[in-house]
């Protein structure tokens, strides 16, 4: 898995993507499973699945953990939402 933080021009998602869709695309770009992401942010795989399908509005603290796990700055992850 890459240890390089993304920069805006390298983001694998579109500006009109939802938070969940952005998470899914970034996770896949890092070749990370839902289980791996869940372990990194100390939650369940089913929560990650629901998050990626926009079934939940995550709390700010969760968004911070997700961004860190996906090697992206939070402001870049949520820009334009």
N, C-alpha and C. Protein backbone atom coordinates (compact mmCIF):
# COMPACT_ATOMS: atom_id res chain seq x y z
N UNK A 1 0.85 -1.18 0.00
CA UNK A 1 0.00 0.00 0.00
C UNK A 1 0.89 1.24 0.00
N UNK A 2 0.52 2.20 -0.77
CA UNK A 2 1.29 3.43 -0.90
C UNK A 2 1.28 4.23 0.38
N UNK A 3 2.42 4.87 0.67
CA UNK A 3 2.48 5.72 1.86
C UNK A 3 2.46 7.19 1.48
N UNK A 4 2.19 7.50 0.23
CA UNK A 4 2.18 8.87 -0.27
C UNK A 4 0.78 9.46 -0.12
N UNK A 5 0.73 10.67 0.42
CA UNK A 5 -0.55 11.37 0.52
C UNK A 5 -0.98 11.81 -0.86
N UNK A 6 -2.27 11.79 -1.13
CA UNK A 6 -2.80 12.25 -2.41
C UNK A 6 -2.68 13.76 -2.51
N UNK A 7 -2.52 14.23 -3.72
CA UNK A 7 -2.66 15.65 -4.00
C UNK A 7 -3.86 15.80 -4.91
N UNK A 8 -4.44 16.98 -4.97
CA UNK A 8 -5.72 17.17 -5.66
C UNK A 8 -5.74 16.60 -7.08
N UNK A 9 -4.68 16.76 -7.84
CA UNK A 9 -4.69 16.29 -9.22
C UNK A 9 -4.67 14.77 -9.34
N UNK A 10 -4.35 14.07 -8.27
CA UNK A 10 -4.27 12.61 -8.29
C UNK A 10 -5.52 11.93 -7.74
N UNK A 11 -6.50 12.69 -7.33
CA UNK A 11 -7.68 12.09 -6.69
C UNK A 11 -8.47 11.25 -7.69
N UNK A 12 -8.87 10.04 -7.28
CA UNK A 12 -9.58 9.14 -8.19
C UNK A 12 -11.09 9.37 -8.23
N UNK A 13 -11.58 10.46 -7.68
CA UNK A 13 -13.02 10.72 -7.68
C UNK A 13 -13.34 12.06 -8.31
N UNK A 14 -14.62 12.25 -8.60
CA UNK A 14 -15.10 13.50 -9.19
C UNK A 14 -15.62 14.41 -8.10
N UNK A 15 -15.66 15.69 -8.38
CA UNK A 15 -16.17 16.66 -7.41
C UNK A 15 -17.63 16.43 -7.04
N UNK A 16 -18.39 15.83 -7.95
CA UNK A 16 -19.81 15.62 -7.67
C UNK A 16 -20.08 14.29 -6.97
N UNK A 17 -19.04 13.52 -6.64
CA UNK A 17 -19.23 12.27 -5.91
C UNK A 17 -19.59 12.56 -4.45
N UNK A 18 -20.39 11.70 -3.87
CA UNK A 18 -20.75 11.81 -2.46
C UNK A 18 -19.56 11.42 -1.59
N UNK A 19 -19.68 11.68 -0.29
CA UNK A 19 -18.62 11.29 0.64
C UNK A 19 -18.37 9.79 0.56
N UNK A 20 -19.43 9.01 0.59
CA UNK A 20 -19.29 7.56 0.55
C UNK A 20 -18.62 7.07 -0.72
N UNK A 21 -18.99 7.64 -1.84
CA UNK A 21 -18.39 7.25 -3.12
C UNK A 21 -16.91 7.62 -3.15
N UNK A 22 -16.57 8.77 -2.58
CA UNK A 22 -15.16 9.18 -2.51
C UNK A 22 -14.37 8.19 -1.67
N UNK A 23 -14.93 7.81 -0.53
CA UNK A 23 -14.26 6.84 0.35
C UNK A 23 -14.03 5.53 -0.40
N UNK A 24 -15.05 5.03 -1.07
CA UNK A 24 -14.93 3.77 -1.80
C UNK A 24 -13.85 3.86 -2.88
N UNK A 25 -13.85 4.95 -3.65
CA UNK A 25 -12.87 5.09 -4.74
C UNK A 25 -11.44 5.22 -4.20
N UNK A 26 -11.27 5.98 -3.13
CA UNK A 26 -9.94 6.11 -2.53
C UNK A 26 -9.47 4.79 -1.94
N UNK A 27 -10.37 4.10 -1.25
CA UNK A 27 -10.02 2.81 -0.64
C UNK A 27 -9.57 1.83 -1.72
N UNK A 28 -10.33 1.76 -2.80
CA UNK A 28 -9.98 0.86 -3.89
C UNK A 28 -8.67 1.27 -4.56
N UNK A 29 -8.43 2.57 -4.72
CA UNK A 29 -7.19 3.05 -5.32
C UNK A 29 -5.98 2.64 -4.49
N UNK A 30 -6.18 2.51 -3.19
CA UNK A 30 -5.11 2.07 -2.29
C UNK A 30 -5.06 0.55 -2.16
N UNK A 31 -5.93 -0.14 -2.90
CA UNK A 31 -6.01 -1.60 -2.86
C UNK A 31 -6.24 -2.09 -1.43
N UNK A 32 -7.17 -1.41 -0.76
CA UNK A 32 -7.50 -1.70 0.63
C UNK A 32 -8.91 -2.30 0.69
N UNK A 33 -9.08 -3.33 1.47
CA UNK A 33 -10.41 -3.93 1.64
C UNK A 33 -11.23 -3.11 2.63
N UNK A 34 -12.53 -3.35 2.62
CA UNK A 34 -13.38 -2.71 3.62
C UNK A 34 -12.95 -3.14 5.02
N UNK A 35 -12.58 -4.39 5.14
CA UNK A 35 -12.14 -4.92 6.43
C UNK A 35 -10.88 -4.19 6.92
N UNK A 36 -9.94 -3.96 6.03
CA UNK A 36 -8.72 -3.25 6.40
C UNK A 36 -9.02 -1.83 6.85
N UNK A 37 -9.88 -1.14 6.10
CA UNK A 37 -10.24 0.22 6.48
C UNK A 37 -10.96 0.22 7.83
N UNK A 38 -11.86 -0.72 8.00
CA UNK A 38 -12.60 -0.83 9.27
C UNK A 38 -11.63 -1.02 10.43
N UNK A 39 -10.65 -1.87 10.26
CA UNK A 39 -9.67 -2.11 11.33
C UNK A 39 -8.87 -0.85 11.63
N UNK A 40 -8.50 -0.10 10.60
CA UNK A 40 -7.72 1.12 10.80
C UNK A 40 -8.49 2.19 11.59
N UNK A 41 -9.81 2.24 11.40
CA UNK A 41 -10.58 3.26 12.11
C UNK A 41 -11.39 2.68 13.27
N UNK A 42 -11.12 1.42 13.57
CA UNK A 42 -11.72 0.74 14.72
C UNK A 42 -13.24 0.71 14.65
N UNK A 43 -13.73 0.17 13.54
CA UNK A 43 -15.17 -0.02 13.37
C UNK A 43 -15.38 -1.34 12.64
N UNK A 44 -16.60 -1.59 12.21
CA UNK A 44 -16.91 -2.86 11.53
C UNK A 44 -16.90 -2.70 10.01
N UNK A 45 -16.71 -3.81 9.32
CA UNK A 45 -16.77 -3.81 7.87
C UNK A 45 -18.15 -3.39 7.39
N UNK A 46 -19.18 -3.80 8.10
CA UNK A 46 -20.54 -3.44 7.70
C UNK A 46 -20.77 -1.93 7.80
N UNK A 47 -20.13 -1.27 8.76
CA UNK A 47 -20.23 0.19 8.86
C UNK A 47 -19.58 0.84 7.64
N UNK A 48 -18.41 0.34 7.24
CA UNK A 48 -17.73 0.88 6.06
C UNK A 48 -18.60 0.70 4.83
N UNK A 49 -19.21 -0.46 4.68
CA UNK A 49 -20.09 -0.70 3.55
C UNK A 49 -21.25 0.29 3.54
N UNK A 50 -21.88 0.47 4.69
CA UNK A 50 -23.01 1.41 4.79
C UNK A 50 -22.55 2.84 4.52
N UNK A 51 -21.37 3.19 5.01
CA UNK A 51 -20.81 4.52 4.78
C UNK A 51 -20.59 4.75 3.29
N UNK A 52 -20.03 3.77 2.62
CA UNK A 52 -19.76 3.89 1.19
C UNK A 52 -21.04 3.96 0.36
N UNK A 53 -22.13 3.44 0.90
CA UNK A 53 -23.42 3.51 0.21
C UNK A 53 -24.27 4.67 0.71
N UNK A 54 -23.63 5.59 1.43
CA UNK A 54 -24.28 6.82 1.92
C UNK A 54 -25.49 6.54 2.81
N UNK A 55 -25.43 5.47 3.57
CA UNK A 55 -26.50 5.15 4.51
C UNK A 55 -26.30 5.86 5.84
N UNK A 56 -25.09 6.38 6.08
CA UNK A 56 -24.78 7.08 7.32
C UNK A 56 -24.15 8.43 7.00
N UNK A 57 -24.39 9.38 7.88
CA UNK A 57 -23.68 10.66 7.88
C UNK A 57 -22.66 10.54 9.00
N UNK A 58 -21.39 10.35 8.66
CA UNK A 58 -20.40 10.13 9.72
C UNK A 58 -20.14 11.38 10.55
N UNK A 59 -19.78 11.16 11.79
CA UNK A 59 -19.38 12.26 12.67
C UNK A 59 -18.02 12.78 12.20
N UNK A 60 -17.70 14.00 12.58
CA UNK A 60 -16.45 14.62 12.19
C UNK A 60 -15.25 13.76 12.60
N UNK A 61 -15.27 13.23 13.79
CA UNK A 61 -14.16 12.41 14.26
C UNK A 61 -13.97 11.18 13.38
N UNK A 62 -15.05 10.57 12.94
CA UNK A 62 -14.96 9.42 12.05
C UNK A 62 -14.41 9.85 10.70
N UNK A 63 -14.84 10.99 10.20
CA UNK A 63 -14.33 11.49 8.93
C UNK A 63 -12.83 11.73 9.00
N UNK A 64 -12.36 12.24 10.13
CA UNK A 64 -10.92 12.46 10.31
C UNK A 64 -10.16 11.14 10.27
N UNK A 65 -10.69 10.13 10.94
CA UNK A 65 -10.04 8.81 10.95
C UNK A 65 -10.01 8.20 9.56
N UNK A 66 -11.11 8.33 8.83
CA UNK A 66 -11.19 7.79 7.47
C UNK A 66 -10.16 8.49 6.58
N UNK A 67 -10.11 9.80 6.65
CA UNK A 67 -9.16 10.56 5.83
C UNK A 67 -7.72 10.12 6.13
N UNK A 68 -7.38 10.01 7.39
CA UNK A 68 -6.03 9.60 7.77
C UNK A 68 -5.73 8.20 7.24
N UNK A 69 -6.67 7.28 7.40
CA UNK A 69 -6.48 5.91 6.93
C UNK A 69 -6.32 5.85 5.41
N UNK A 70 -6.98 6.77 4.71
CA UNK A 70 -6.92 6.80 3.24
C UNK A 70 -5.82 7.72 2.72
N UNK A 71 -5.02 8.24 3.63
CA UNK A 71 -3.86 9.06 3.28
C UNK A 71 -4.23 10.31 2.48
N UNK A 72 -5.24 10.99 2.98
CA UNK A 72 -5.68 12.22 2.34
C UNK A 72 -6.04 13.22 3.44
N UNK A 73 -5.85 14.47 3.17
CA UNK A 73 -6.24 15.49 4.14
C UNK A 73 -7.76 15.59 4.15
N UNK A 74 -8.32 15.78 5.32
CA UNK A 74 -9.78 15.83 5.46
C UNK A 74 -10.38 16.91 4.57
N UNK A 75 -9.76 18.08 4.52
CA UNK A 75 -10.34 19.15 3.72
C UNK A 75 -10.38 18.78 2.23
N UNK A 76 -9.44 18.00 1.76
CA UNK A 76 -9.46 17.55 0.37
C UNK A 76 -10.54 16.49 0.15
N UNK A 77 -10.75 15.65 1.15
CA UNK A 77 -11.76 14.61 1.04
C UNK A 77 -13.17 15.17 0.98
N UNK A 78 -13.41 16.24 1.72
CA UNK A 78 -14.77 16.78 1.80
C UNK A 78 -14.98 18.03 0.93
N UNK A 79 -13.95 18.48 0.26
CA UNK A 79 -14.06 19.72 -0.54
C UNK A 79 -15.19 19.60 -1.55
N UNK A 80 -16.08 20.58 -1.51
CA UNK A 80 -17.17 20.64 -2.47
C UNK A 80 -18.43 19.87 -2.08
N UNK A 81 -18.41 19.22 -0.94
CA UNK A 81 -19.60 18.45 -0.53
C UNK A 81 -20.67 19.38 0.01
